[in-house]
Amino acid sequence: MKKTLLAVFVLGLGAGVASAEEWKGVSVIDTNCLDKVKADPDKHPRSCALQCAKGGYGLLTSDGKYLKFDAAGNEKTVAMLKESKKADHLRANVTGERDGDVVKVSAITLQ
């Protein structure tokens, strides 16, 4: 009986562990400009994305769904954009844990 309870407990712990996901080559868009650039996100300039940083960022999936970044992901995105010299085509590889429509970003790199 004790072994059965221990097995159930261990399995229950494993069910609560979130696994990291990776999105490759996704468009990174600030929330303020999403509606304006959703049809052609590659034309969204880095200068605008930096200017609209207060609204937060997210990624646009291949099926057109927008997933917002958590606060840490927004900070990482601002740092990444400031380091970049790209004018537009803001595509990135993003690693993190998805919680509904929010990504808890652990890493982001501009392509």
PDB file of N, CA and C in Angstrom:
ATOM      1  N   MET A   1       0.819  -1.198   0.000  1.00  0.00           N
ATOM      2  CA  MET A   1       0.000   0.000   0.000  1.00  0.00           C
ATOM      3  C   MET A   1       0.859   1.257   0.000  1.00  0.00           C
ATOM      4  N   LYS A   2       1.931   1.241   0.807  1.00  0.00           N
ATOM      5  CA  LYS A   2       2.812   2.404   0.863  1.00  0.00           C
ATOM      6  C   LYS A   2       3.482   2.653  -0.486  1.00  0.00           C
ATOM      7  N   LYS A   3       3.859   1.572  -1.162  1.00  0.00           N
ATOM      8  CA  LYS A   3       4.506   1.711  -2.475  1.00  0.00           C
ATOM      9  C   LYS A   3       3.531   2.306  -3.489  1.00  0.00           C
ATOM     10  N   THR A   4       2.286   1.904  -3.418  1.00  0.00           N
ATOM     11  CA  THR A   4       1.268   2.431  -4.329  1.00  0.00           C
ATOM     12  C   THR A   4       1.056   3.919  -4.086  1.00  0.00           C
ATOM     13  N   LEU A   5       0.958   4.312  -2.834  1.00  0.00           N
ATOM     14  CA  LEU A   5       0.786   5.726  -2.510  1.00  0.00           C
ATOM     15  C   LEU A   5       1.996   6.544  -2.948  1.00  0.00           C
ATOM     16  N   LEU A   6       3.195   6.002  -2.752  1.00  0.00           N
ATOM     17  CA  LEU A   6       4.405   6.699  -3.178  1.00  0.00           C
ATOM     18  C   LEU A   6       4.422   6.863  -4.692  1.00  0.00           C
ATOM     19  N   ALA A   7       4.047   5.831  -5.426  1.00  0.00           N
ATOM     20  CA  ALA A   7       4.018   5.899  -6.889  1.00  0.00           C
ATOM     21  C   ALA A   7       3.018   6.942  -7.364  1.00  0.00           C
ATOM     22  N   VAL A   8       1.843   6.976  -6.743  1.00  0.00           N
ATOM     23  CA  VAL A   8       0.834   7.969  -7.111  1.00  0.00           C
ATOM     24  C   VAL A   8       1.334   9.372  -6.820  1.00  0.00           C
ATOM     25  N   PHE A   9       1.988   9.558  -5.689  1.00  0.00           N
ATOM     26  CA  PHE A   9       2.537  10.859  -5.317  1.00  0.00           C
ATOM     27  C   PHE A   9       3.600  11.315  -6.316  1.00  0.00           C
ATOM     28  N   VAL A  10       4.520  10.432  -6.674  1.00  0.00           N
ATOM     29  CA  VAL A  10       5.588  10.765  -7.624  1.00  0.00           C
ATOM     30  C   VAL A  10       5.003  11.086  -8.997  1.00  0.00           C
ATOM     31  N   LEU A  11       4.047  10.317  -9.450  1.00  0.00           N
ATOM     32  CA  LEU A  11       3.410  10.589 -10.738  1.00  0.00           C
ATOM     33  C   LEU A  11       2.680  11.921 -10.711  1.00  0.00           C
ATOM     34  N   GLY A  12       2.055  12.238  -9.598  1.00  0.00           N
ATOM     35  CA  GLY A  12       1.356  13.518  -9.452  1.00  0.00           C
ATOM     36  C   GLY A  12       2.317  14.684  -9.531  1.00  0.00           C
ATOM     37  N   LEU A  13       3.503  14.554  -8.975  1.00  0.00           N
ATOM     38  CA  LEU A  13       4.508  15.613  -9.069  1.00  0.00           C
ATOM     39  C   LEU A  13       4.946  15.819 -10.511  1.00  0.00           C
ATOM     40  N   GLY A  14       5.128  14.727 -11.235  1.00  0.00           N
ATOM     41  CA  GLY A  14       5.559  14.817 -12.628  1.00  0.00           C
ATOM     42  C   GLY A  14       4.527  15.491 -13.513  1.00  0.00           C
ATOM     43  N   ALA A  15       3.257  15.336 -13.176  1.00  0.00           N
ATOM     44  CA  ALA A  15       2.202  15.937 -13.989  1.00  0.00           C
ATOM     45  C   ALA A  15       2.207  17.452 -13.889  1.00  0.00           C
ATOM     46  N   GLY A  16       2.719  17.996 -12.785  1.00  0.00           N
ATOM     47  CA  GLY A  16       2.730  19.437 -12.593  1.00  0.00           C
ATOM     48  C   GLY A  16       3.945  20.130 -13.187  1.00  0.00           C
ATOM     49  N   VAL A  17       4.897  19.370 -13.682  1.00  0.00           N
ATOM     50  CA  VAL A  17       6.116  19.949 -14.218  1.00  0.00           C
ATOM     51  C   VAL A  17       5.885  20.379 -15.660  1.00  0.00           C
ATOM     52  N   ALA A  18       6.091  21.647 -15.926  1.00  0.00           N
ATOM     53  CA  ALA A  18       5.921  22.149 -17.292  1.00  0.00           C
ATOM     54  C   ALA A  18       7.196  21.904 -18.071  1.00  0.00           C
ATOM     55  N   SER A  19       7.053  21.622 -19.333  1.00  0.00           N
ATOM     56  CA  SER A  19       8.230  21.416 -20.160  1.00  0.00           C
ATOM     57  C   SER A  19       8.425  22.609 -21.073  1.00  0.00           C
ATOM     58  N   ALA A  20       9.669  22.884 -21.358  1.00  0.00           N
ATOM     59  CA  ALA A  20       9.997  24.022 -22.213  1.00  0.00           C
ATOM     60  C   ALA A  20       9.602  23.718 -23.650  1.00  0.00           C
ATOM     61  N   GLU A  21       9.130  24.736 -24.316  1.00  0.00           N
ATOM     62  CA  GLU A  21       8.818  24.635 -25.741  1.00  0.00           C
ATOM     63  C   GLU A  21       9.767  25.551 -26.485  1.00  0.00           C
ATOM     64  N   GLU A  22       9.916  25.298 -27.776  1.00  0.00           N
ATOM     65  CA  GLU A  22      10.766  26.164 -28.587  1.00  0.00           C
ATOM     66  C   GLU A  22      10.018  26.550 -29.860  1.00  0.00           C
ATOM     67  N   TRP A  23      10.049  27.829 -30.151  1.00  0.00           N
ATOM     68  CA  TRP A  23       9.462  28.362 -31.373  1.00  0.00           C
ATOM     69  C   TRP A  23      10.620  28.909 -32.191  1.00  0.00           C
ATOM     70  N   LYS A  24      10.764  28.431 -33.419  1.00  0.00           N
ATOM     71  CA  LYS A  24      11.890  28.844 -34.265  1.00  0.00           C
ATOM     72  C   LYS A  24      11.399  29.722 -35.406  1.00  0.00           C
ATOM     73  N   GLY A  25      12.115  30.822 -35.622  1.00  0.00           N
ATOM     74  CA  GLY A  25      11.822  31.692 -36.750  1.00  0.00           C
ATOM     75  C   GLY A  25      10.500  32.423 -36.670  1.00  0.00           C
ATOM     76  N   VAL A  26      10.027  32.672 -35.450  1.00  0.00           N
ATOM     77  CA  VAL A  26       8.750  33.357 -35.288  1.00  0.00           C
ATOM     78  C   VAL A  26       8.936  34.873 -35.299  1.00  0.00           C
ATOM     79  N   SER A  27       7.915  35.572 -35.736  1.00  0.00           N
ATOM     80  CA  SER A  27       7.942  37.034 -35.730  1.00  0.00           C
ATOM     81  C   SER A  27       7.747  37.532 -34.310  1.00  0.00           C
ATOM     82  N   VAL A  28       8.586  38.483 -33.916  1.00  0.00           N
ATOM     83  CA  VAL A  28       8.465  39.122 -32.607  1.00  0.00           C
ATOM     84  C   VAL A  28       7.832  40.482 -32.845  1.00  0.00           C
ATOM     85  N   ILE A  29       6.694  40.730 -32.192  1.00  0.00           N
ATOM     86  CA  ILE A  29       5.918  41.951 -32.429  1.00  0.00           C
ATOM     87  C   ILE A  29       5.532  42.550 -31.086  1.00  0.00           C
ATOM     88  N   ASP A  30       5.579  43.879 -31.015  1.00  0.00           N
ATOM     89  CA  ASP A  30       5.076  44.527 -29.807  1.00  0.00           C
ATOM     90  C   ASP A  30       3.551  44.491 -29.846  1.00  0.00           C
ATOM     91  N   THR A  31       2.963  44.415 -28.680  1.00  0.00           N
ATOM     92  CA  THR A  31       1.513  44.283 -28.562  1.00  0.00           C
ATOM     93  C   THR A  31       0.764  45.462 -29.171  1.00  0.00           C
ATOM     94  N   ASN A  32       1.332  46.663 -29.054  1.00  0.00           N
ATOM     95  CA  ASN A  32       0.669  47.865 -29.592  1.00  0.00           C
ATOM     96  C   ASN A  32       0.476  47.810 -31.096  1.00  0.00           C
ATOM     97  N   CYS A  33       1.408  47.208 -31.810  1.00  0.00           N
ATOM     98  CA  CYS A  33       1.359  47.210 -33.280  1.00  0.00           C
ATOM     99  C   CYS A  33       0.816  45.919 -33.884  1.00  0.00           C
ATOM    100  N   LEU A  34       0.401  44.994 -33.059  1.00  0.00           N
ATOM    101  CA  LEU A  34      -0.035  43.689 -33.559  1.00  0.00           C
ATOM    102  C   LEU A  34      -1.076  43.797 -34.666  1.00  0.00           C
ATOM    103  N   ASP A  35      -2.139  44.547 -34.441  1.00  0.00           N
ATOM    104  CA  ASP A  35      -3.206  44.633 -35.443  1.00  0.00           C
ATOM    105  C   ASP A  35      -2.735  45.265 -36.746  1.00  0.00           C
ATOM    106  N   LYS A  36      -1.815  46.223 -36.651  1.00  0.00           N
ATOM    107  CA  LYS A  36      -1.329  46.913 -37.853  1.00  0.00           C
ATOM    108  C   LYS A  36      -0.407  46.049 -38.701  1.00  0.00           C
ATOM    109  N   VAL A  37       0.379  45.171 -38.070  1.00  0.00           N
ATOM    110  CA  VAL A  37       1.418  44.459 -38.822  1.00  0.00           C
ATOM    111  C   VAL A  37       1.191  42.959 -38.926  1.00  0.00           C
ATOM    112  N   LYS A  38       0.099  42.473 -38.391  1.00  0.00           N
ATOM    113  CA  LYS A  38      -0.151  41.028 -38.386  1.00  0.00           C
ATOM    114  C   LYS A  38      -0.126  40.421 -39.789  1.00  0.00           C
ATOM    115  N   ALA A  39      -0.624  41.134 -40.770  1.00  0.00           N
ATOM    116  CA  ALA A  39      -0.664  40.621 -42.144  1.00  0.00           C
ATOM    117  C   ALA A  39       0.727  40.490 -42.755  1.00  0.00           C
ATOM    118  N   ASP A  40       1.662  41.349 -42.370  1.00  0.00           N
ATOM    119  CA  ASP A  40       3.028  41.304 -42.909  1.00  0.00           C
ATOM    120  C   ASP A  40       4.022  41.742 -41.828  1.00  0.00           C
ATOM    121  N   PRO A  41       4.249  40.889 -40.845  1.00  0.00           N
ATOM    122  CA  PRO A  41       5.088  41.270 -39.704  1.00  0.00           C
ATOM    123  C   PRO A  41       6.548  41.553 -40.052  1.00  0.00           C
ATOM    124  N   ASP A  42       7.032  41.032 -41.175  1.00  0.00           N
ATOM    125  CA  ASP A  42       8.433  41.273 -41.545  1.00  0.00           C
ATOM    126  C   ASP A  42       8.712  42.733 -41.881  1.00  0.00           C
ATOM    127  N   LYS A  43       7.692  43.491 -42.188  1.00  0.00           N
ATOM    128  CA  LYS A  43       7.885  44.912 -42.497  1.00  0.00           C
ATOM    129  C   LYS A  43       7.866  45.794 -41.248  1.00  0.00           C
ATOM    130  N   HIS A  44       7.586  45.207 -40.088  1.00  0.00           N
ATOM    131  CA  HIS A  44       7.542  45.970 -38.848  1.00  0.00           C
ATOM    132  C   HIS A  44       8.971  46.355 -38.446  1.00  0.00           C
ATOM    133  N   PRO A  45       9.280  47.643 -38.397  1.00  0.00           N
ATOM    134  CA  PRO A  45      10.662  48.059 -38.135  1.00  0.00           C
ATOM    135  C   PRO A  45      11.063  47.925 -36.661  1.00  0.00           C
ATOM    136  N   ARG A  46      12.344  47.645 -36.477  1.00  0.00           N
ATOM    137  CA  ARG A  46      12.918  47.533 -35.134  1.00  0.00           C
ATOM    138  C   ARG A  46      12.727  48.822 -34.358  1.00  0.00           C
ATOM    139  N   SER A  47      12.864  49.963 -35.042  1.00  0.00           N
ATOM    140  CA  SER A  47      12.705  51.253 -34.367  1.00  0.00           C
ATOM    141  C   SER A  47      11.318  51.391 -33.744  1.00  0.00           C
ATOM    142  N   CYS A  48      10.294  50.930 -34.438  1.00  0.00           N
ATOM    143  CA  CYS A  48       8.926  50.981 -33.916  1.00  0.00           C
ATOM    144  C   CYS A  48       8.767  50.002 -32.750  1.00  0.00           C
ATOM    145  N   ALA A  49       9.335  48.818 -32.896  1.00  0.00           N
ATOM    146  CA  ALA A  49       9.239  47.817 -31.831  1.00  0.00           C
ATOM    147  C   ALA A  49       9.876  48.331 -30.544  1.00  0.00           C
ATOM    148  N   LEU A  50      10.976  49.047 -30.661  1.00  0.00           N
ATOM    149  CA  LEU A  50      11.621  49.626 -29.477  1.00  0.00           C
ATOM    150  C   LEU A  50      10.799  50.780 -28.912  1.00  0.00           C
ATOM    151  N   GLN A  51      10.231  51.570 -29.784  1.00  0.00           N
ATOM    152  CA  GLN A  51       9.427  52.713 -29.357  1.00  0.00           C
ATOM    153  C   GLN A  51       8.170  52.261 -28.593  1.00  0.00           C
ATOM    154  N   CYS A  52       7.650  51.115 -28.937  1.00  0.00           N
ATOM    155  CA  CYS A  52       6.413  50.614 -28.333  1.00  0.00           C
ATOM    156  C   CYS A  52       6.671  49.577 -27.236  1.00  0.00           C
ATOM    157  N   ALA A  53       7.845  49.580 -26.657  1.00  0.00           N
ATOM    158  CA  ALA A  53       8.241  48.560 -25.673  1.00  0.00           C
ATOM    159  C   ALA A  53       7.336  48.501 -24.451  1.00  0.00           C
ATOM    160  N   LYS A  54       6.768  49.626 -24.045  1.00  0.00           N
ATOM    161  CA  LYS A  54       5.953  49.644 -22.821  1.00  0.00           C
ATOM    162  C   LYS A  54       4.723  48.743 -22.919  1.00  0.00           C
ATOM    163  N   GLY A  55       4.245  48.500 -24.120  1.00  0.00           N
ATOM    164  CA  GLY A  55       3.075  47.641 -24.303  1.00  0.00           C
ATOM    165  C   GLY A  55       3.392  46.158 -24.200  1.00  0.00           C
ATOM    166  N   GLY A  56       4.670  45.810 -24.224  1.00  0.00           N
ATOM    167  CA  GLY A  56       5.076  44.407 -24.145  1.00  0.00           C
ATOM    168  C   GLY A  56       5.205  43.775 -25.521  1.00  0.00           C
ATOM    169  N   TYR A  57       5.733  42.580 -25.526  1.00  0.00           N
ATOM    170  CA  TYR A  57       6.004  41.854 -26.769  1.00  0.00           C
ATOM    171  C   TYR A  57       5.369  40.477 -26.737  1.00  0.00           C
ATOM    172  N   GLY A  58       5.434  39.842 -27.903  1.00  0.00           N
ATOM    173  CA  GLY A  58       4.971  38.478 -28.025  1.00  0.00           C
ATOM    174  C   GLY A  58       5.441  37.901 -29.339  1.00  0.00           C
ATOM    175  N   LEU A  59       5.057  36.670 -29.583  1.00  0.00           N
ATOM    176  CA  LEU A  59       5.432  36.027 -30.834  1.00  0.00           C
ATOM    177  C   LEU A  59       4.176  35.673 -31.610  1.00  0.00           C
ATOM    178  N   LEU A  60       4.312  35.691 -32.909  1.00  0.00           N
ATOM    179  CA  LEU A  60       3.220  35.334 -33.806  1.00  0.00           C
ATOM    180  C   LEU A  60       3.505  33.949 -34.354  1.00  0.00           C
ATOM    181  N   THR A  61       2.656  32.988 -34.024  1.00  0.00           N
ATOM    182  CA  THR A  61       2.862  31.616 -34.473  1.00  0.00           C
ATOM    183  C   THR A  61       2.535  31.479 -35.963  1.00  0.00           C
ATOM    184  N   SER A  62       2.945  30.365 -36.527  1.00  0.00           N
ATOM    185  CA  SER A  62       2.700  30.134 -37.951  1.00  0.00           C
ATOM    186  C   SER A  62       1.216  30.070 -38.282  1.00  0.00           C
ATOM    187  N   ASP A  63       0.366  29.742 -37.289  1.00  0.00           N
ATOM    188  CA  ASP A  63      -1.072  29.695 -37.539  1.00  0.00           C
ATOM    189  C   ASP A  63      -1.772  31.010 -37.181  1.00  0.00           C
ATOM    190  N   GLY A  64      -0.975  32.083 -36.946  1.00  0.00           N
ATOM    191  CA  GLY A  64      -1.540  33.408 -36.716  1.00  0.00           C
ATOM    192  C   GLY A  64      -1.933  33.713 -35.285  1.00  0.00           C
ATOM    193  N   LYS A  65      -1.597  32.850 -34.344  1.00  0.00           N
ATOM    194  CA  LYS A  65      -1.931  33.083 -32.938  1.00  0.00           C
ATOM    195  C   LYS A  65      -0.822  33.921 -32.290  1.00  0.00           C
ATOM    196  N   TYR A  66      -1.227  34.875 -31.453  1.00  0.00           N
ATOM    197  CA  TYR A  66      -0.280  35.748 -30.759  1.00  0.00           C
ATOM    198  C   TYR A  66      -0.134  35.291 -29.315  1.00  0.00           C
ATOM    199  N   LEU A  67       1.099  35.017 -28.908  1.00  0.00           N
ATOM    200  CA  LEU A  67       1.399  34.617 -27.542  1.00  0.00           C
ATOM    201  C   LEU A  67       2.236  35.711 -26.895  1.00  0.00           C
ATOM    202  N   LYS A  68       1.723  36.278 -25.813  1.00  0.00           N
ATOM    203  CA  LYS A  68       2.422  37.376 -25.132  1.00  0.00           C
ATOM    204  C   LYS A  68       3.586  36.832 -24.313  1.00  0.00           C
ATOM    205  N   PHE A  69       4.604  37.670 -24.148  1.00  0.00           N
ATOM    206  CA  PHE A  69       5.734  37.330 -23.295  1.00  0.00           C
ATOM    207  C   PHE A  69       5.468  37.786 -21.869  1.00  0.00           C
ATOM    208  N   ASP A  70       6.057  37.085 -20.920  1.00  0.00           N
ATOM    209  CA  ASP A  70       6.014  37.512 -19.522  1.00  0.00           C
ATOM    210  C   ASP A  70       6.963  38.707 -19.350  1.00  0.00           C
ATOM    211  N   ALA A  71       7.004  39.286 -18.150  1.00  0.00           N
ATOM    212  CA  ALA A  71       7.828  40.478 -17.898  1.00  0.00           C
ATOM    213  C   ALA A  71       9.302  40.223 -18.207  1.00  0.00           C
ATOM    214  N   ALA A  72       9.814  39.067 -17.807  1.00  0.00           N
ATOM    215  CA  ALA A  72      11.221  38.748 -18.088  1.00  0.00           C
ATOM    216  C   ALA A  72      11.456  38.634 -19.593  1.00  0.00           C
ATOM    217  N   GLY A  73      10.504  38.067 -20.305  1.00  0.00           N
ATOM    218  CA  GLY A  73      10.622  37.956 -21.760  1.00  0.00           C
ATOM    219  C   GLY A  73      10.617  39.314 -22.435  1.00  0.00           C
ATOM    220  N   ASN A  74       9.810  40.242 -21.913  1.00  0.00           N
ATOM    221  CA  ASN A  74       9.797  41.601 -22.458  1.00  0.00           C
ATOM    222  C   ASN A  74      11.157  42.264 -22.266  1.00  0.00           C
ATOM    223  N   GLU A  75      11.751  42.092 -21.093  1.00  0.00           N
ATOM    224  CA  GLU A  75      13.077  42.675 -20.833  1.00  0.00           C
ATOM    225  C   GLU A  75      14.129  42.072 -21.748  1.00  0.00           C
ATOM    226  N   LYS A  76      14.091  40.777 -21.939  1.00  0.00           N
ATOM    227  CA  LYS A  76      15.049  40.102 -22.827  1.00  0.00           C
ATOM    228  C   LYS A  76      14.870  40.576 -24.266  1.00  0.00           C
ATOM    229  N   THR A  77      13.639  40.808 -24.667  1.00  0.00           N
ATOM    230  CA  THR A  77      13.373  41.258 -26.035  1.00  0.00           C
ATOM    231  C   THR A  77      13.903  42.664 -26.251  1.00  0.00           C
ATOM    232  N   VAL A  78      13.704  43.555 -25.294  1.00  0.00           N
ATOM    233  CA  VAL A  78      14.233  44.919 -25.412  1.00  0.00           C
ATOM    234  C   VAL A  78      15.751  44.868 -25.543  1.00  0.00           C
ATOM    235  N   ALA A  79      16.409  44.092 -24.697  1.00  0.00           N
ATOM    236  CA  ALA A  79      17.878  43.982 -24.758  1.00  0.00           C
ATOM    237  C   ALA A  79      18.322  43.437 -26.109  1.00  0.00           C
ATOM    238  N   MET A  80      17.621  42.419 -26.610  1.00  0.00           N
ATOM    239  CA  MET A  80      17.962  41.822 -27.900  1.00  0.00           C
ATOM    240  C   MET A  80      17.800  42.835 -29.034  1.00  0.00           C
ATOM    241  N   LEU A  81      16.700  43.596 -29.012  1.00  0.00           N
ATOM    242  CA  LEU A  81      16.457  44.583 -30.063  1.00  0.00           C
ATOM    243  C   LEU A  81      17.473  45.720 -30.019  1.00  0.00           C
ATOM    244  N   LYS A  82      17.865  46.139 -28.830  1.00  0.00           N
ATOM    245  CA  LYS A  82      18.858  47.208 -28.703  1.00  0.00           C
ATOM    246  C   LYS A  82      20.221  46.779 -29.238  1.00  0.00           C
ATOM    247  N   GLU A  83      20.563  45.509 -29.070  1.00  0.00           N
ATOM    248  CA  GLU A  83      21.845  44.994 -29.553  1.00  0.00           C
ATOM    249  C   GLU A  83      21.854  44.799 -31.071  1.00  0.00           C
ATOM    250  N   SER A  84      20.703  44.586 -31.644  1.00  0.00           N
ATOM    251  CA  SER A  84      20.603  44.267 -33.065  1.00  0.00           C
ATOM    252  C   SER A  84      20.768  45.496 -33.947  1.00  0.00           C
ATOM    253  N   LYS A  85      21.234  45.251 -35.151  1.00  0.00           N
ATOM    254  CA  LYS A  85      21.329  46.301 -36.175  1.00  0.00           C
ATOM    255  C   LYS A  85      20.294  46.081 -37.285  1.00  0.00           C
ATOM    256  N   LYS A  86      19.473  45.033 -37.150  1.00  0.00           N
ATOM    257  CA  LYS A  86      18.459  44.738 -38.164  1.00  0.00           C
ATOM    258  C   LYS A  86      17.414  45.848 -38.199  1.00  0.00           C
ATOM    259  N   ALA A  87      17.018  46.232 -39.373  1.00  0.00           N
ATOM    260  CA  ALA A  87      16.008  47.281 -39.527  1.00  0.00           C
ATOM    261  C   ALA A  87      14.592  46.715 -39.414  1.00  0.00           C
ATOM    262  N   ASP A  88      14.400  45.481 -39.895  1.00  0.00           N
ATOM    263  CA  ASP A  88      13.090  44.829 -39.866  1.00  0.00           C
ATOM    264  C   ASP A  88      13.299  43.317 -39.926  1.00  0.00           C
ATOM    265  N   HIS A  89      12.297  42.571 -40.339  1.00  0.00           N
ATOM    266  CA  HIS A  89      12.367  41.100 -40.343  1.00  0.00           C
ATOM    267  C   HIS A  89      12.789  40.603 -38.962  1.00  0.00           C
ATOM    268  N   LEU A  90      12.023  40.970 -37.954  1.00  0.00           N
ATOM    269  CA  LEU A  90      12.346  40.637 -36.570  1.00  0.00           C
ATOM    270  C   LEU A  90      11.853  39.229 -36.236  1.00  0.00           C
ATOM    271  N   ARG A  91      12.640  38.270 -36.657  1.00  0.00           N
ATOM    272  CA  ARG A  91      12.310  36.866 -36.391  1.00  0.00           C
ATOM    273  C   ARG A  91      13.298  36.323 -35.370  1.00  0.00           C
ATOM    274  N   ALA A  92      12.777  35.472 -34.498  1.00  0.00           N
ATOM    275  CA  ALA A  92      13.605  34.983 -33.407  1.00  0.00           C
ATOM    276  C   ALA A  92      13.322  33.520 -33.101  1.00  0.00           C
ATOM    277  N   ASN A  93      14.226  32.950 -32.349  1.00  0.00           N
ATOM    278  CA  ASN A  93      14.022  31.640 -31.749  1.00  0.00           C
ATOM    279  C   ASN A  93      13.723  31.906 -30.273  1.00  0.00           C
ATOM    280  N   VAL A  94      12.631  31.363 -29.807  1.00  0.00           N
ATOM    281  CA  VAL A  94      12.185  31.612 -28.435  1.00  0.00           C
ATOM    282  C   VAL A  94      12.028  30.278 -27.717  1.00  0.00           C
ATOM    283  N   THR A  95      12.565  30.224 -26.502  1.00  0.00           N
ATOM    284  CA  THR A  95      12.407  29.049 -25.657  1.00  0.00           C
ATOM    285  C   THR A  95      11.716  29.490 -24.376  1.00  0.00           C
ATOM    286  N   GLY A  96      10.730  28.721 -23.947  1.00  0.00           N
ATOM    287  CA  GLY A  96      10.036  29.055 -22.712  1.00  0.00           C
ATOM    288  C   GLY A  96       8.904  28.097 -22.427  1.00  0.00           C
ATOM    289  N   GLU A  97       8.195  28.387 -21.375  1.00  0.00           N
ATOM    290  CA  GLU A  97       7.055  27.579 -20.971  1.00  0.00           C
ATOM    291  C   GLU A  97       5.777  28.339 -21.279  1.00  0.00           C
ATOM    292  N   ARG A  98       4.878  27.679 -21.965  1.00  0.00           N
ATOM    293  CA  ARG A  98       3.609  28.299 -22.335  1.00  0.00           C
ATOM    294  C   ARG A  98       2.587  28.064 -21.227  1.00  0.00           C
ATOM    295  N   ASP A  99       1.940  29.150 -20.832  1.00  0.00           N
ATOM    296  CA  ASP A  99       0.873  29.085 -19.840  1.00  0.00           C
ATOM    297  C   ASP A  99      -0.318  29.818 -20.442  1.00  0.00           C
ATOM    298  N   GLY A 100      -1.175  29.076 -21.126  1.00  0.00           N
ATOM    299  CA  GLY A 100      -2.295  29.692 -21.842  1.00  0.00           C
ATOM    300  C   GLY A 100      -1.775  30.476 -23.031  1.00  0.00           C
ATOM    301  N   ASP A 101      -2.033  31.790 -23.052  1.00  0.00           N
ATOM    302  CA  ASP A 101      -1.562  32.647 -24.142  1.00  0.00           C
ATOM    303  C   ASP A 101      -0.336  33.459 -23.749  1.00  0.00           C
ATOM    304  N   VAL A 102       0.369  33.032 -22.696  1.00  0.00           N
ATOM    305  CA  VAL A 102       1.566  33.728 -22.225  1.00  0.00           C
ATOM    306  C   VAL A 102       2.741  32.764 -22.274  1.00  0.00           C
ATOM    307  N   VAL A 103       3.888  33.272 -22.731  1.00  0.00           N
ATOM    308  CA  VAL A 103       5.116  32.483 -22.740  1.00  0.00           C
ATOM    309  C   VAL A 103       6.045  33.035 -21.672  1.00  0.00           C
ATOM    310  N   LYS A 104       6.454  32.173 -20.757  1.00  0.00           N
ATOM    311  CA  LYS A 104       7.468  32.524 -19.764  1.00  0.00           C
ATOM    312  C   LYS A 104       8.811  32.270 -20.435  1.00  0.00           C
ATOM    313  N   VAL A 105       9.383  33.325 -20.982  1.00  0.00           N
ATOM    314  CA  VAL A 105      10.573  33.224 -21.831  1.00  0.00           C
ATOM    315  C   VAL A 105      11.820  32.918 -21.005  1.00  0.00           C
ATOM    316  N   SER A 106      12.508  31.852 -21.400  1.00  0.00           N
ATOM    317  CA  SER A 106      13.787  31.552 -20.760  1.00  0.00           C
ATOM    318  C   SER A 106      14.950  31.992 -21.648  1.00  0.00           C
ATOM    319  N   ALA A 107      14.736  32.008 -22.971  1.00  0.00           N
ATOM    320  CA  ALA A 107      15.782  32.469 -23.900  1.00  0.00           C
ATOM    321  C   ALA A 107      15.137  32.985 -25.173  1.00  0.00           C
ATOM    322  N   ILE A 108      15.759  34.008 -25.741  1.00  0.00           N
ATOM    323  CA  ILE A 108      15.318  34.532 -27.023  1.00  0.00           C
ATOM    324  C   ILE A 108      16.535  35.032 -27.797  1.00  0.00           C
ATOM    325  N   THR A 109      16.635  34.648 -29.053  1.00  0.00           N
ATOM    326  CA  THR A 109      17.738  35.085 -29.903  1.00  0.00           C
ATOM    327  C   THR A 109      17.177  35.515 -31.256  1.00  0.00           C
ATOM    328  N   LEU A 110      17.633  36.640 -31.727  1.00  0.00           N
ATOM    329  CA  LEU A 110      17.203  37.160 -33.020  1.00  0.00           C
ATOM    330  C   LEU A 110      17.929  36.397 -34.117  1.00  0.00           C
ATOM    331  N   GLN A 111      17.221  36.060 -35.179  1.00  0.00           N
ATOM    332  CA  GLN A 111      17.844  35.355 -36.309  1.00  0.00           C
ATOM    333  C   GLN A 111      18.570  36.328 -37.196  1.00  0.00           C
TER     334      GLN A 111
END
